[in-house]
Amino acid sequence: MAESWKIKKGDKVTVIAGKDKGKSGEILKVIRSERRVLVAGVNMVKRHQAVKPGQPGGVISKEAPLHVSNVMHLDPVSGKPTRVGYKMLDDGRKVRFAKASGELIDR
């Protein structure tokens, strides 16, 4: 059965567990097969990169994936972590909303 996720690319989230607890960022990529997400500026790791055409070599910093259970949506009103629910609008659309404030998350 297909699993429904409440997190999508472009959402604003905060880290609730691990070494980067308390940091916030935007989701860059969702990796459903591994149940992980890539958050901008969070969980930075150093990688050694060889010189390639158009790319310099050396040690670079980049984001590593986090498990989806370690991030939580940010409330659009208060900016604090919140749970997410679904509701149907009058025009028949199913949208996500922040449970803390009731504000819609979907654009």
C-alpha atoms as a PDB file:
ATOM      1  CA  MET A   1       0.000   0.000   0.000  1.00  0.00           C
ATOM      2  CA  ALA A   2       1.301   3.466  -0.880  1.00  0.00           C
ATOM      3  CA  GLU A   3       2.224   5.536   2.128  1.00  0.00           C
ATOM      4  CA  SER A   4       0.982   9.111   2.491  1.00  0.00           C
ATOM      5  CA  TRP A   5       3.617  11.615   3.615  1.00  0.00           C
ATOM      6  CA  LYS A   6       2.854  15.007   5.095  1.00  0.00           C
ATOM      7  CA  ILE A   7       6.240  16.440   4.079  1.00  0.00           C
ATOM      8  CA  LYS A   8       6.966  17.744   0.586  1.00  0.00           C
ATOM      9  CA  LYS A   9       9.816  19.475  -1.213  1.00  0.00           C
ATOM     10  CA  GLY A  10       9.863  23.206  -0.397  1.00  0.00           C
ATOM     11  CA  ASP A  11       8.299  22.886   3.087  1.00  0.00           C
ATOM     12  CA  LYS A  12       9.837  24.763   6.019  1.00  0.00           C
ATOM     13  CA  VAL A  13      10.855  22.326   8.759  1.00  0.00           C
ATOM     14  CA  THR A  14      12.850  22.222  11.986  1.00  0.00           C
ATOM     15  CA  VAL A  15      15.008  19.397  13.322  1.00  0.00           C
ATOM     16  CA  ILE A  16      13.609  17.887  16.532  1.00  0.00           C
ATOM     17  CA  ALA A  17      16.282  15.242  17.260  1.00  0.00           C
ATOM     18  CA  GLY A  18      19.976  14.633  16.677  1.00  0.00           C
ATOM     19  CA  LYS A  19      23.106  16.775  16.529  1.00  0.00           C
ATOM     20  CA  ASP A  20      21.358  19.602  14.642  1.00  0.00           C
ATOM     21  CA  LYS A  21      18.330  19.788  16.958  1.00  0.00           C
ATOM     22  CA  GLY A  22      16.706  23.229  16.767  1.00  0.00           C
ATOM     23  CA  LYS A  23      18.013  24.158  13.307  1.00  0.00           C
ATOM     24  CA  SER A  24      15.513  25.056  10.586  1.00  0.00           C
ATOM     25  CA  GLY A  25      15.555  24.967   6.814  1.00  0.00           C
ATOM     26  CA  GLU A  26      13.705  24.190   3.627  1.00  0.00           C
ATOM     27  CA  ILE A  27      13.359  20.670   2.267  1.00  0.00           C
ATOM     28  CA  LEU A  28      15.487  20.279  -0.861  1.00  0.00           C
ATOM     29  CA  LYS A  29      14.732  16.643  -1.639  1.00  0.00           C
ATOM     30  CA  VAL A  30      12.509  13.828  -0.371  1.00  0.00           C
ATOM     31  CA  ILE A  31      13.903  10.283  -0.639  1.00  0.00           C
ATOM     32  CA  ARG A  32      10.828   8.091  -0.091  1.00  0.00           C
ATOM     33  CA  SER A  33      12.568   4.747  -0.622  1.00  0.00           C
ATOM     34  CA  GLU A  34      14.901   5.461   2.321  1.00  0.00           C
ATOM     35  CA  ARG A  35      12.357   7.482   4.402  1.00  0.00           C
ATOM     36  CA  ARG A  36      14.767  10.441   4.418  1.00  0.00           C
ATOM     37  CA  VAL A  37      14.751  14.148   3.589  1.00  0.00           C
ATOM     38  CA  LEU A  38      17.475  16.636   2.631  1.00  0.00           C
ATOM     39  CA  VAL A  39      17.184  19.959   4.502  1.00  0.00           C
ATOM     40  CA  ALA A  40      19.074  23.087   3.384  1.00  0.00           C
ATOM     41  CA  GLY A  41      21.930  24.005   5.725  1.00  0.00           C
ATOM     42  CA  VAL A  42      21.285  21.148   8.167  1.00  0.00           C
ATOM     43  CA  ASN A  43      23.338  17.982   8.861  1.00  0.00           C
ATOM     44  CA  MET A  44      26.374  19.286   6.973  1.00  0.00           C
ATOM     45  CA  VAL A  45      29.150  16.779   6.232  1.00  0.00           C
ATOM     46  CA  LYS A  46      32.570  17.161   4.573  1.00  0.00           C
ATOM     47  CA  ARG A  47      33.348  15.178   1.442  1.00  0.00           C
ATOM     48  CA  HIS A  48      36.559  14.941  -0.575  1.00  0.00           C
ATOM     49  CA  GLN A  49      35.944  15.694  -4.244  1.00  0.00           C
ATOM     50  CA  ALA A  50      38.266  15.024  -7.161  1.00  0.00           C
ATOM     51  CA  VAL A  51      38.816  17.678  -9.812  1.00  0.00           C
ATOM     52  CA  LYS A  52      36.321  17.356 -12.671  1.00  0.00           C
ATOM     53  CA  PRO A  53      35.679  19.619 -15.647  1.00  0.00           C
ATOM     54  CA  GLY A  54      33.747  22.608 -14.340  1.00  0.00           C
ATOM     55  CA  GLN A  55      34.168  21.595 -10.680  1.00  0.00           C
ATOM     56  CA  PRO A  56      37.065  22.391  -8.383  1.00  0.00           C
ATOM     57  CA  GLY A  57      38.572  19.640  -6.286  1.00  0.00           C
ATOM     58  CA  GLY A  58      39.132  19.622  -2.547  1.00  0.00           C
ATOM     59  CA  VAL A  59      37.057  19.232   0.581  1.00  0.00           C
ATOM     60  CA  ILE A  60      33.459  20.418   0.173  1.00  0.00           C
ATOM     61  CA  SER A  61      30.566  20.685   2.642  1.00  0.00           C
ATOM     62  CA  LYS A  62      27.151  19.403   1.674  1.00  0.00           C
ATOM     63  CA  GLU A  63      23.891  18.327   3.296  1.00  0.00           C
ATOM     64  CA  ALA A  64      23.369  14.717   4.299  1.00  0.00           C
ATOM     65  CA  PRO A  65      19.880  13.164   4.500  1.00  0.00           C
ATOM     66  CA  LEU A  66      17.933  13.084   7.792  1.00  0.00           C
ATOM     67  CA  HIS A  67      15.313  10.531   8.745  1.00  0.00           C
ATOM     68  CA  VAL A  68      11.823  11.931   8.198  1.00  0.00           C
ATOM     69  CA  SER A  69      10.898  11.297  11.863  1.00  0.00           C
ATOM     70  CA  ASN A  70      13.559  13.788  12.989  1.00  0.00           C
ATOM     71  CA  VAL A  71      11.962  16.807  11.300  1.00  0.00           C
ATOM     72  CA  MET A  72       8.717  18.655  11.978  1.00  0.00           C
ATOM     73  CA  HIS A  73       6.780  21.301  10.054  1.00  0.00           C
ATOM     74  CA  LEU A  74       7.046  24.935  11.101  1.00  0.00           C
ATOM     75  CA  ASP A  75       3.772  26.722  11.811  1.00  0.00           C
ATOM     76  CA  PRO A  76       3.275  29.500   9.200  1.00  0.00           C
ATOM     77  CA  VAL A  77       1.908  31.842  11.899  1.00  0.00           C
ATOM     78  CA  SER A  78       4.094  31.306  14.977  1.00  0.00           C
ATOM     79  CA  GLY A  79       7.196  29.695  13.438  1.00  0.00           C
ATOM     80  CA  LYS A  80       7.128  26.900  16.024  1.00  0.00           C
ATOM     81  CA  PRO A  81       7.005  23.152  15.262  1.00  0.00           C
ATOM     82  CA  THR A  82       3.510  21.819  14.653  1.00  0.00           C
ATOM     83  CA  ARG A  83       1.734  18.649  13.635  1.00  0.00           C
ATOM     84  CA  VAL A  84       0.010  18.514  10.265  1.00  0.00           C
ATOM     85  CA  GLY A  85      -3.511  17.435   9.363  1.00  0.00           C
ATOM     86  CA  TYR A  86      -5.610  17.196   6.222  1.00  0.00           C
ATOM     87  CA  LYS A  87      -8.963  18.774   5.479  1.00  0.00           C
ATOM     88  CA  MET A  88     -11.231  19.175   2.488  1.00  0.00           C
ATOM     89  CA  LEU A  89     -12.020  22.675   1.218  1.00  0.00           C
ATOM     90  CA  ASP A  90     -15.381  23.744  -0.170  1.00  0.00           C
ATOM     91  CA  ASP A  91     -14.027  23.532  -3.731  1.00  0.00           C
ATOM     92  CA  GLY A  92     -13.159  19.834  -3.196  1.00  0.00           C
ATOM     93  CA  ARG A  93      -9.384  20.179  -2.722  1.00  0.00           C
ATOM     94  CA  LYS A  94      -7.620  18.182  -0.010  1.00  0.00           C
ATOM     95  CA  VAL A  95      -5.073  20.439   1.705  1.00  0.00           C
ATOM     96  CA  ARG A  96      -2.626  20.255   4.600  1.00  0.00           C
ATOM     97  CA  PHE A  97      -3.018  22.538   7.607  1.00  0.00           C
ATOM     98  CA  ALA A  98      -1.034  23.286  10.769  1.00  0.00           C
ATOM     99  CA  LYS A  99      -2.823  21.824  13.792  1.00  0.00           C
ATOM    100  CA  ALA A 100      -1.463  24.508  16.152  1.00  0.00           C
ATOM    101  CA  SER A 101      -2.894  27.521  14.302  1.00  0.00           C
ATOM    102  CA  GLY A 102      -5.282  26.023  11.743  1.00  0.00           C
ATOM    103  CA  GLU A 103      -3.426  27.874   8.954  1.00  0.00           C
ATOM    104  CA  LEU A 104      -3.188  26.191   5.519  1.00  0.00           C
ATOM    105  CA  ILE A 105       0.269  24.897   4.573  1.00  0.00           C
ATOM    106  CA  ASP A 106      -0.418  24.069   0.923  1.00  0.00           C
ATOM    107  CA  ARG A 107       0.074  26.871  -1.545  1.00  0.00           C
END
